[in-house]
Every structure is written in structure tokens, then in C-alpha cells.
């Protein structure tokens, strides 16, 4: 294998991890947007339930963010 092929193989291997994390970040990003968008609507409809709505928003945000962090860690776990 020539030096150019070796360099190309190493570059593609590194890029696959970056693409994988980018795809893994799409789901939590959408989920966080849905959580806070619907939470804002719920607060506008029932301001008296603000404490309960906010607590549920924070819990949902934490679960979505955990998925994003797992997406960051997985390339390191399964990488060479």
C-alpha cells in the first residue's frame, strides 16, 4: 500500500467517527427542541402548573442529553 493510500485510509477512519457522532447528535437535538417547544406551549396554557411542567422539562432534557453523551463516548469505546 502506498503512502497516499495509507493516509487516505487513516483520514476516512477518523471521519467516520465524526460522521457517526453527527448522526448521533441529531436525535437528542430534535428531542430537546420538542421538549422545550411543548413545555413553552404548556406554560402558556397553564401558568399555574409551571413548577410541574418545568420539572418534567428538566428530566426530559437530562435523558436526551445523556443520549448525546453516549453518542460522544461510543466512538472511543469501539474505536481502535
PDB file of N, CA and C in Angstrom:
ATOM      1  N   UNK A   1       0.850  -1.165   0.000  1.00  0.00           N
ATOM      2  CA  UNK A   1       0.000   0.000   0.000  1.00  0.00           C
ATOM      3  C   UNK A   1       0.903   1.237   0.000  1.00  0.00           C
ATOM      4  N   UNK A   2       0.558   2.184  -0.840  1.00  0.00           N
ATOM      5  CA  UNK A   2       1.378   3.386  -0.937  1.00  0.00           C
ATOM      6  C   UNK A   2       1.074   4.332   0.231  1.00  0.00           C
ATOM      7  N   UNK A   3       1.923   5.323   0.370  1.00  0.00           N
ATOM      8  CA  UNK A   3       1.750   6.297   1.455  1.00  0.00           C
ATOM      9  C   UNK A   3       0.443   7.070   1.291  1.00  0.00           C
ATOM     10  N   UNK A   4       0.055   7.357   0.046  1.00  0.00           N
ATOM     11  CA  UNK A   4      -1.189   8.092  -0.197  1.00  0.00           C
ATOM     12  C   UNK A   4      -2.397   7.261   0.193  1.00  0.00           C
ATOM     13  N   UNK A   5      -2.374   5.974  -0.098  1.00  0.00           N
ATOM     14  CA  UNK A   5      -3.487   5.104   0.283  1.00  0.00           C
ATOM     15  C   UNK A   5      -3.574   4.965   1.798  1.00  0.00           C
ATOM     16  N   UNK A   6      -2.437   4.872   2.459  1.00  0.00           N
ATOM     17  CA  UNK A   6      -2.425   4.784   3.920  1.00  0.00           C
ATOM     18  C   UNK A   6      -2.989   6.062   4.536  1.00  0.00           C
ATOM     19  N   UNK A   7      -2.577   7.211   4.017  1.00  0.00           N
ATOM     20  CA  UNK A   7      -3.077   8.494   4.511  1.00  0.00           C
ATOM     21  C   UNK A   7      -4.587   8.603   4.285  1.00  0.00           C
ATOM     22  N   UNK A   8      -5.058   8.175   3.119  1.00  0.00           N
ATOM     23  CA  UNK A   8      -6.488   8.233   2.815  1.00  0.00           C
ATOM     24  C   UNK A   8      -7.275   7.298   3.733  1.00  0.00           C
ATOM     25  N   UNK A   9      -6.735   6.120   4.014  1.00  0.00           N
ATOM     26  CA  UNK A   9      -7.428   5.171   4.889  1.00  0.00           C
ATOM     27  C   UNK A   9      -7.530   5.724   6.307  1.00  0.00           C
ATOM     28  N   UNK A  10      -6.462   6.359   6.804  1.00  0.00           N
ATOM     29  CA  UNK A  10      -6.496   6.950   8.147  1.00  0.00           C
ATOM     30  C   UNK A  10      -7.466   8.124   8.209  1.00  0.00           C
ATOM     31  N   UNK A  11      -7.525   8.926   7.148  1.00  0.00           N
ATOM     32  CA  UNK A  11      -8.427  10.079   7.119  1.00  0.00           C
ATOM     33  C   UNK A  11      -9.876   9.625   7.103  1.00  0.00           C
ATOM     34  N   UNK A  12     -10.188   8.618   6.307  1.00  0.00           N
ATOM     35  CA  UNK A  12     -11.563   8.125   6.236  1.00  0.00           C
ATOM     36  C   UNK A  12     -11.968   7.512   7.562  1.00  0.00           C
ATOM     37  N   UNK A  13     -11.070   6.794   8.215  1.00  0.00           N
ATOM     38  CA  UNK A  13     -11.395   6.178   9.505  1.00  0.00           C
ATOM     39  C   UNK A  13     -11.731   7.244  10.545  1.00  0.00           C
ATOM     40  N   UNK A  14     -10.988   8.334  10.601  1.00  0.00           N
ATOM     41  CA  UNK A  14     -11.267   9.408  11.538  1.00  0.00           C
ATOM     42  C   UNK A  14     -12.561  10.129  11.200  1.00  0.00           C
ATOM     43  N   UNK A  15     -12.850  10.280   9.919  1.00  0.00           N
ATOM     44  CA  UNK A  15     -14.057  10.986   9.505  1.00  0.00           C
ATOM     45  C   UNK A  15     -15.309  10.179   9.807  1.00  0.00           C
ATOM     46  N   UNK A  16     -15.216   8.866   9.766  1.00  0.00           N
ATOM     47  CA  UNK A  16     -16.383   8.031  10.038  1.00  0.00           C
ATOM     48  C   UNK A  16     -16.851   8.233  11.479  1.00  0.00           C
ATOM     49  N   UNK A  17     -15.926   8.369  12.417  1.00  0.00           N
ATOM     50  CA  UNK A  17     -16.296   8.637  13.799  1.00  0.00           C
ATOM     51  C   UNK A  17     -16.982   9.985  13.939  1.00  0.00           C
ATOM     52  N   UNK A  18     -16.494  10.992  13.218  1.00  0.00           N
ATOM     53  CA  UNK A  18     -17.114  12.317  13.273  1.00  0.00           C
ATOM     54  C   UNK A  18     -18.507  12.303  12.666  1.00  0.00           C
ATOM     55  N   UNK A  19     -18.655  11.601  11.567  1.00  0.00           N
ATOM     56  CA  UNK A  19     -19.975  11.494  10.925  1.00  0.00           C
ATOM     57  C   UNK A  19     -20.923  10.724  11.833  1.00  0.00           C
ATOM     58  N   UNK A  20     -20.418   9.684  12.466  1.00  0.00           N
ATOM     59  CA  UNK A  20     -21.250   8.911  13.388  1.00  0.00           C
ATOM     60  C   UNK A  20     -21.740   9.748  14.551  1.00  0.00           C
ATOM     61  N   UNK A  21     -20.860  10.586  15.112  1.00  0.00           N
ATOM     62  CA  UNK A  21     -21.311  11.441  16.212  1.00  0.00           C
ATOM     63  C   UNK A  21     -22.300  12.479  15.719  1.00  0.00           C
ATOM     64  N   UNK A  22     -22.074  13.014  14.538  1.00  0.00           N
ATOM     65  CA  UNK A  22     -23.022  13.982  13.978  1.00  0.00           C
ATOM     66  C   UNK A  22     -24.403  13.383  13.823  1.00  0.00           C
ATOM     67  N   UNK A  23     -24.458  12.156  13.349  1.00  0.00           N
ATOM     68  CA  UNK A  23     -25.754  11.476  13.220  1.00  0.00           C
ATOM     69  C   UNK A  23     -26.339  11.157  14.595  1.00  0.00           C
ATOM     70  N   UNK A  24     -25.493  10.822  15.554  1.00  0.00           N
ATOM     71  CA  UNK A  24     -25.982  10.519  16.895  1.00  0.00           C
ATOM     72  C   UNK A  24     -26.500  11.764  17.601  1.00  0.00           C
ATOM     73  N   UNK A  25     -26.036  12.945  17.218  1.00  0.00           N
ATOM     74  CA  UNK A  25     -26.477  14.191  17.860  1.00  0.00           C
ATOM     75  C   UNK A  25     -27.789  14.704  17.300  1.00  0.00           C
ATOM     76  N   UNK A  26     -28.225  14.187  16.165  1.00  0.00           N
ATOM     77  CA  UNK A  26     -29.474  14.654  15.561  1.00  0.00           C
ATOM     78  C   UNK A  26     -30.667  14.311  16.445  1.00  0.00           C
ATOM     79  N   UNK A  27     -30.738  13.082  16.922  1.00  0.00           N
ATOM     80  CA  UNK A  27     -31.874  12.638  17.730  1.00  0.00           C
ATOM     81  C   UNK A  27     -32.046  13.435  19.011  1.00  0.00           C
ATOM     82  N   UNK A  28     -30.997  13.561  19.839  1.00  0.00           N
ATOM     83  CA  UNK A  28     -31.148  14.366  21.044  1.00  0.00           C
ATOM     84  C   UNK A  28     -31.449  15.835  20.754  1.00  0.00           C
ATOM     85  N   UNK A  29     -30.902  16.370  19.669  1.00  0.00           N
ATOM     86  CA  UNK A  29     -31.192  17.758  19.311  1.00  0.00           C
ATOM     87  C   UNK A  29     -32.665  17.961  18.996  1.00  0.00           C
ATOM     88  N   UNK A  30     -33.233  17.048  18.240  1.00  0.00           N
ATOM     89  CA  UNK A  30     -34.661  17.119  17.934  1.00  0.00           C
ATOM     90  C   UNK A  30     -35.480  16.924  19.199  1.00  0.00           C
ATOM     91  N   UNK A  31     -35.075  15.967  20.027  1.00  0.00           N
ATOM     92  CA  UNK A  31     -35.805  15.700  21.264  1.00  0.00           C
ATOM     93  C   UNK A  31     -35.811  16.898  22.206  1.00  0.00           C
ATOM     94  N   UNK A  32     -34.685  17.575  22.334  1.00  0.00           N
ATOM     95  CA  UNK A  32     -34.611  18.747  23.204  1.00  0.00           C
ATOM     96  C   UNK A  32     -35.484  19.868  22.662  1.00  0.00           C
ATOM     97  N   UNK A  33     -35.485  20.034  21.350  1.00  0.00           N
ATOM     98  CA  UNK A  33     -36.354  21.046  20.747  1.00  0.00           C
ATOM     99  C   UNK A  33     -37.822  20.766  21.002  1.00  0.00           C
ATOM    100  N   UNK A  34     -38.218  19.515  20.888  1.00  0.00           N
ATOM    101  CA  UNK A  34     -39.613  19.143  21.138  1.00  0.00           C
ATOM    102  C   UNK A  34     -39.973  19.359  22.603  1.00  0.00           C
ATOM    103  N   UNK A  35     -39.074  18.971  23.497  1.00  0.00           N
ATOM    104  CA  UNK A  35     -39.341  19.117  24.933  1.00  0.00           C
ATOM    105  C   UNK A  35     -39.583  20.574  25.295  1.00  0.00           C
ATOM    106  N   UNK A  36     -38.681  21.456  24.891  1.00  0.00           N
ATOM    107  CA  UNK A  36     -38.818  22.851  25.300  1.00  0.00           C
ATOM    108  C   UNK A  36     -39.897  23.584  24.508  1.00  0.00           C
ATOM    109  N   UNK A  37     -40.124  23.187  23.263  1.00  0.00           N
ATOM    110  CA  UNK A  37     -41.218  23.790  22.499  1.00  0.00           C
ATOM    111  C   UNK A  37     -42.575  23.468  23.104  1.00  0.00           C
ATOM    112  N   UNK A  38     -42.776  22.201  23.409  1.00  0.00           N
ATOM    113  CA  UNK A  38     -44.051  21.803  24.020  1.00  0.00           C
ATOM    114  C   UNK A  38     -44.160  22.297  25.463  1.00  0.00           C
ATOM    115  N   UNK A  39     -43.047  22.400  26.157  1.00  0.00           N
ATOM    116  CA  UNK A  39     -43.081  22.947  27.511  1.00  0.00           C
ATOM    117  C   UNK A  39     -43.482  24.412  27.513  1.00  0.00           C
ATOM    118  N   UNK A  40     -43.002  25.167  26.532  1.00  0.00           N
ATOM    119  CA  UNK A  40     -43.385  26.570  26.422  1.00  0.00           C
ATOM    120  C   UNK A  40     -44.871  26.703  26.131  1.00  0.00           C
ATOM    121  N   UNK A  41     -45.384  25.852  25.265  1.00  0.00           N
ATOM    122  CA  UNK A  41     -46.824  25.871  24.986  1.00  0.00           C
ATOM    123  C   UNK A  41     -47.624  25.507  26.231  1.00  0.00           C
ATOM    124  N   UNK A  42     -47.155  24.530  26.976  1.00  0.00           N
ATOM    125  CA  UNK A  42     -47.858  24.119  28.184  1.00  0.00           C
ATOM    126  C   UNK A  42     -47.849  25.235  29.231  1.00  0.00           C
ATOM    127  N   UNK A  43     -46.730  25.938  29.354  1.00  0.00           N
ATOM    128  CA  UNK A  43     -46.672  27.053  30.296  1.00  0.00           C
ATOM    129  C   UNK A  43     -47.599  28.186  29.877  1.00  0.00           C
ATOM    130  N   UNK A  44     -47.743  28.398  28.580  1.00  0.00           N
ATOM    131  CA  UNK A  44     -48.648  29.441  28.106  1.00  0.00           C
ATOM    132  C   UNK A  44     -50.103  29.065  28.365  1.00  0.00           C
ATOM    133  N   UNK A  45     -50.411  27.788  28.300  1.00  0.00           N
ATOM    134  CA  UNK A  45     -51.796  27.347  28.506  1.00  0.00           C
ATOM    135  C   UNK A  45     -52.165  27.247  29.981  1.00  0.00           C
ATOM    136  N   UNK A  46     -51.228  26.806  30.820  1.00  0.00           N
ATOM    137  CA  UNK A  46     -51.498  26.638  32.249  1.00  0.00           C
ATOM    138  C   UNK A  46     -50.336  27.183  33.074  1.00  0.00           C
ATOM    139  N   UNK A  47     -50.296  28.486  33.275  1.00  0.00           N
ATOM    140  CA  UNK A  47     -49.180  29.062  34.036  1.00  0.00           C
ATOM    141  C   UNK A  47     -49.138  28.597  35.492  1.00  0.00           C
ATOM    142  N   UNK A  48     -50.265  28.164  36.032  1.00  0.00           N
ATOM    143  CA  UNK A  48     -50.280  27.731  37.434  1.00  0.00           C
ATOM    144  C   UNK A  48     -49.551  26.405  37.634  1.00  0.00           C
ATOM    145  N   UNK A  49     -49.324  25.652  36.578  1.00  0.00           N
ATOM    146  CA  UNK A  49     -48.621  24.371  36.672  1.00  0.00           C
ATOM    147  C   UNK A  49     -47.143  24.508  36.288  1.00  0.00           C
ATOM    148  N   UNK A  50     -46.599  25.704  36.438  1.00  0.00           N
ATOM    149  CA  UNK A  50     -45.232  25.968  35.982  1.00  0.00           C
ATOM    150  C   UNK A  50     -44.198  25.075  36.667  1.00  0.00           C
ATOM    151  N   UNK A  51     -44.341  24.838  37.954  1.00  0.00           N
ATOM    152  CA  UNK A  51     -43.357  24.018  38.667  1.00  0.00           C
ATOM    153  C   UNK A  51     -43.307  22.592  38.159  1.00  0.00           C
ATOM    154  N   UNK A  52     -44.460  21.994  37.970  1.00  0.00           N
ATOM    155  CA  UNK A  52     -44.524  20.615  37.479  1.00  0.00           C
ATOM    156  C   UNK A  52     -44.025  20.514  36.043  1.00  0.00           C
ATOM    157  N   UNK A  53     -44.430  21.469  35.222  1.00  0.00           N
ATOM    158  CA  UNK A  53     -44.007  21.454  33.811  1.00  0.00           C
ATOM    159  C   UNK A  53     -42.495  21.627  33.719  1.00  0.00           C
ATOM    160  N   UNK A  54     -41.954  22.547  34.480  1.00  0.00           N
ATOM    161  CA  UNK A  54     -40.509  22.795  34.441  1.00  0.00           C
ATOM    162  C   UNK A  54     -39.729  21.582  34.937  1.00  0.00           C
ATOM    163  N   UNK A  55     -40.229  20.921  35.966  1.00  0.00           N
ATOM    164  CA  UNK A  55     -39.546  19.723  36.472  1.00  0.00           C
ATOM    165  C   UNK A  55     -39.533  18.622  35.416  1.00  0.00           C
ATOM    166  N   UNK A  56     -40.645  18.449  34.717  1.00  0.00           N
ATOM    167  CA  UNK A  56     -40.696  17.439  33.659  1.00  0.00           C
ATOM    168  C   UNK A  56     -39.807  17.821  32.483  1.00  0.00           C
ATOM    169  N   UNK A  57     -39.702  19.110  32.190  1.00  0.00           N
ATOM    170  CA  UNK A  57     -38.804  19.551  31.122  1.00  0.00           C
ATOM    171  C   UNK A  57     -37.356  19.224  31.466  1.00  0.00           C
ATOM    172  N   UNK A  58     -36.971  19.503  32.683  1.00  0.00           N
ATOM    173  CA  UNK A  58     -35.579  19.252  33.091  1.00  0.00           C
ATOM    174  C   UNK A  58     -35.268  17.760  33.063  1.00  0.00           C
ATOM    175  N   UNK A  59     -36.198  16.942  33.502  1.00  0.00           N
ATOM    176  CA  UNK A  59     -35.999  15.493  33.470  1.00  0.00           C
ATOM    177  C   UNK A  59     -35.862  14.989  32.027  1.00  0.00           C
ATOM    178  N   UNK A  60     -36.740  15.441  31.149  1.00  0.00           N
ATOM    179  CA  UNK A  60     -36.649  15.046  29.736  1.00  0.00           C
ATOM    180  C   UNK A  60     -35.372  15.531  29.085  1.00  0.00           C
ATOM    181  N   UNK A  61     -34.958  16.757  29.428  1.00  0.00           N
ATOM    182  CA  UNK A  61     -33.707  17.291  28.892  1.00  0.00           C
ATOM    183  C   UNK A  61     -32.521  16.442  29.336  1.00  0.00           C
ATOM    184  N   UNK A  62     -32.524  16.027  30.592  1.00  0.00           N
ATOM    185  CA  UNK A  62     -31.417  15.210  31.106  1.00  0.00           C
ATOM    186  C   UNK A  62     -31.327  13.874  30.367  1.00  0.00           C
ATOM    187  N   UNK A  63     -32.469  13.256  30.095  1.00  0.00           N
ATOM    188  CA  UNK A  63     -32.448  11.984  29.360  1.00  0.00           C
ATOM    189  C   UNK A  63     -31.951  12.180  27.928  1.00  0.00           C
ATOM    190  N   UNK A  64     -32.398  13.232  27.266  1.00  0.00           N
ATOM    191  CA  UNK A  64     -31.935  13.488  25.896  1.00  0.00           C
ATOM    192  C   UNK A  64     -30.452  13.812  25.867  1.00  0.00           C
ATOM    193  N   UNK A  65     -29.991  14.589  26.830  1.00  0.00           N
ATOM    194  CA  UNK A  65     -28.578  14.942  26.876  1.00  0.00           C
ATOM    195  C   UNK A  65     -27.716  13.715  27.166  1.00  0.00           C
ATOM    196  N   UNK A  66     -28.233  12.786  27.956  1.00  0.00           N
ATOM    197  CA  UNK A  66     -27.497  11.545  28.218  1.00  0.00           C
ATOM    198  C   UNK A  66     -27.292  10.761  26.928  1.00  0.00           C
ATOM    199  N   UNK A  67     -28.295  10.773  26.051  1.00  0.00           N
ATOM    200  CA  UNK A  67     -28.136  10.092  24.765  1.00  0.00           C
ATOM    201  C   UNK A  67     -27.037  10.741  23.932  1.00  0.00           C
ATOM    202  N   UNK A  68     -26.956  12.058  23.961  1.00  0.00           N
ATOM    203  CA  UNK A  68     -25.897  12.749  23.226  1.00  0.00           C
ATOM    204  C   UNK A  68     -24.527  12.416  23.795  1.00  0.00           C
ATOM    205  N   UNK A  69     -24.416  12.341  25.107  1.00  0.00           N
ATOM    206  CA  UNK A  69     -23.128  11.996  25.721  1.00  0.00           C
ATOM    207  C   UNK A  69     -22.721  10.561  25.412  1.00  0.00           C
ATOM    208  N   UNK A  70     -23.697   9.674  25.350  1.00  0.00           N
ATOM    209  CA  UNK A  70     -23.396   8.298  24.952  1.00  0.00           C
ATOM    210  C   UNK A  70     -22.888   8.278  23.518  1.00  0.00           C
ATOM    211  N   UNK A  71     -23.470   9.121  22.667  1.00  0.00           N
ATOM    212  CA  UNK A  71     -23.004   9.219  21.285  1.00  0.00           C
ATOM    213  C   UNK A  71     -21.578   9.715  21.179  1.00  0.00           C
ATOM    214  N   UNK A  72     -21.157  10.574  22.099  1.00  0.00           N
ATOM    215  CA  UNK A  72     -19.771  11.056  22.106  1.00  0.00           C
ATOM    216  C   UNK A  72     -18.825   9.945  22.543  1.00  0.00           C
ATOM    217  N   UNK A  73     -19.219   9.153  23.516  1.00  0.00           N
ATOM    218  CA  UNK A  73     -18.335   8.159  24.109  1.00  0.00           C
ATOM    219  C   UNK A  73     -18.179   6.914  23.233  1.00  0.00           C
ATOM    220  N   UNK A  74     -19.206   6.539  22.513  1.00  0.00           N
ATOM    221  CA  UNK A  74     -19.170   5.277  21.763  1.00  0.00           C
ATOM    222  C   UNK A  74     -18.031   5.172  20.752  1.00  0.00           C
ATOM    223  N   UNK A  75     -17.685   6.224  19.982  1.00  0.00           N
ATOM    224  CA  UNK A  75     -16.525   6.054  19.089  1.00  0.00           C
ATOM    225  C   UNK A  75     -15.237   5.747  19.833  1.00  0.00           C
ATOM    226  N   UNK A  76     -15.094   6.265  21.060  1.00  0.00           N
ATOM    227  CA  UNK A  76     -13.887   5.987  21.832  1.00  0.00           C
ATOM    228  C   UNK A  76     -13.907   4.561  22.373  1.00  0.00           C
ATOM    229  N   UNK A  77     -15.089   4.074  22.722  1.00  0.00           N
ATOM    230  CA  UNK A  77     -15.205   2.730  23.261  1.00  0.00           C
ATOM    231  C   UNK A  77     -14.927   1.683  22.174  1.00  0.00           C
ATOM    232  N   UNK A  78     -15.519   1.885  21.007  1.00  0.00           N
ATOM    233  CA  UNK A  78     -15.396   0.899  19.947  1.00  0.00           C
ATOM    234  C   UNK A  78     -14.281   1.225  18.943  1.00  0.00           C
ATOM    235  N   UNK A  79     -13.594   2.352  19.131  1.00  0.00           N
ATOM    236  CA  UNK A  79     -12.506   2.745  18.222  1.00  0.00           C
ATOM    237  C   UNK A  79     -11.290   1.877  18.407  1.00  0.00           C
ATOM    238  N   UNK A  80     -10.397   1.990  17.470  1.00  0.00           N
ATOM    239  CA  UNK A  80      -9.154   1.199  17.528  1.00  0.00           C
ATOM    240  C   UNK A  80      -8.119   1.881  18.372  1.00  0.00           C
TER     241      UNK A  80
END
